[in-house]
Amino acid sequence: MPGPARYTSRMTEALPHQREFELSDERATLALGSLVAGKAQVPQVIFLRGDLGAGKTTFSRGFLRGRGHDGSVKSPTYTLVEPYESVPGGPVFHLDLYRLGDAQELAYLGLGDYLSAQGILLIEWPERAEAQLPRATLDITLTPEGSGRKATVRAGDPVLLEALSD
């Protein structure tokens, strides 16, 4: 599969406010997802970045649990989108763009419908179609660090980052 440059005509400007979280294990990644879910207001576009196995879907599972979803949370790797429309506080749409063949496929996936639903979009691998996506309100990068992970959380508005510090 070609690298991200094929799918990206521009990179999103870096969001100006940043905070880092040390995540010692999977439980800590789930907890961060839940914490972000409890502070996030709709509508919201959250980019999730990181290599394969970095914890993007684990974060999403924690996020959905934090929003009150008690069913299973599947990775949308093959379906590209998993909708959670009856989540308290508004719908959550979990997208995984890793297998996206072309950025124009977003229209066929119904991106416009998801955006008009005034919910939360969790988007894994946003760099595959960044030029066609709305600007992120939160941009999270997960990277391996020692035996755990580091989450770098960037936001356009410092209020959410401050709320995560409480």
Foldseek 3Di string as FASTA:
>chain_A
DDDLVQQAPDDFDFADDKDKDWQQDLVSLLCLLLLLLLLDAWPFEEEEEEDVPLCLQSSVNSVQVSQPDDDDRDQCPPVQWDKDQPGPRGIEIEGECPPPPYLVCCVVVVVVVVVVRRHYYYYYPCSNHVVPDDRGQKYWYWDDDDNTIMIMIHGNDCPSVVSSVD
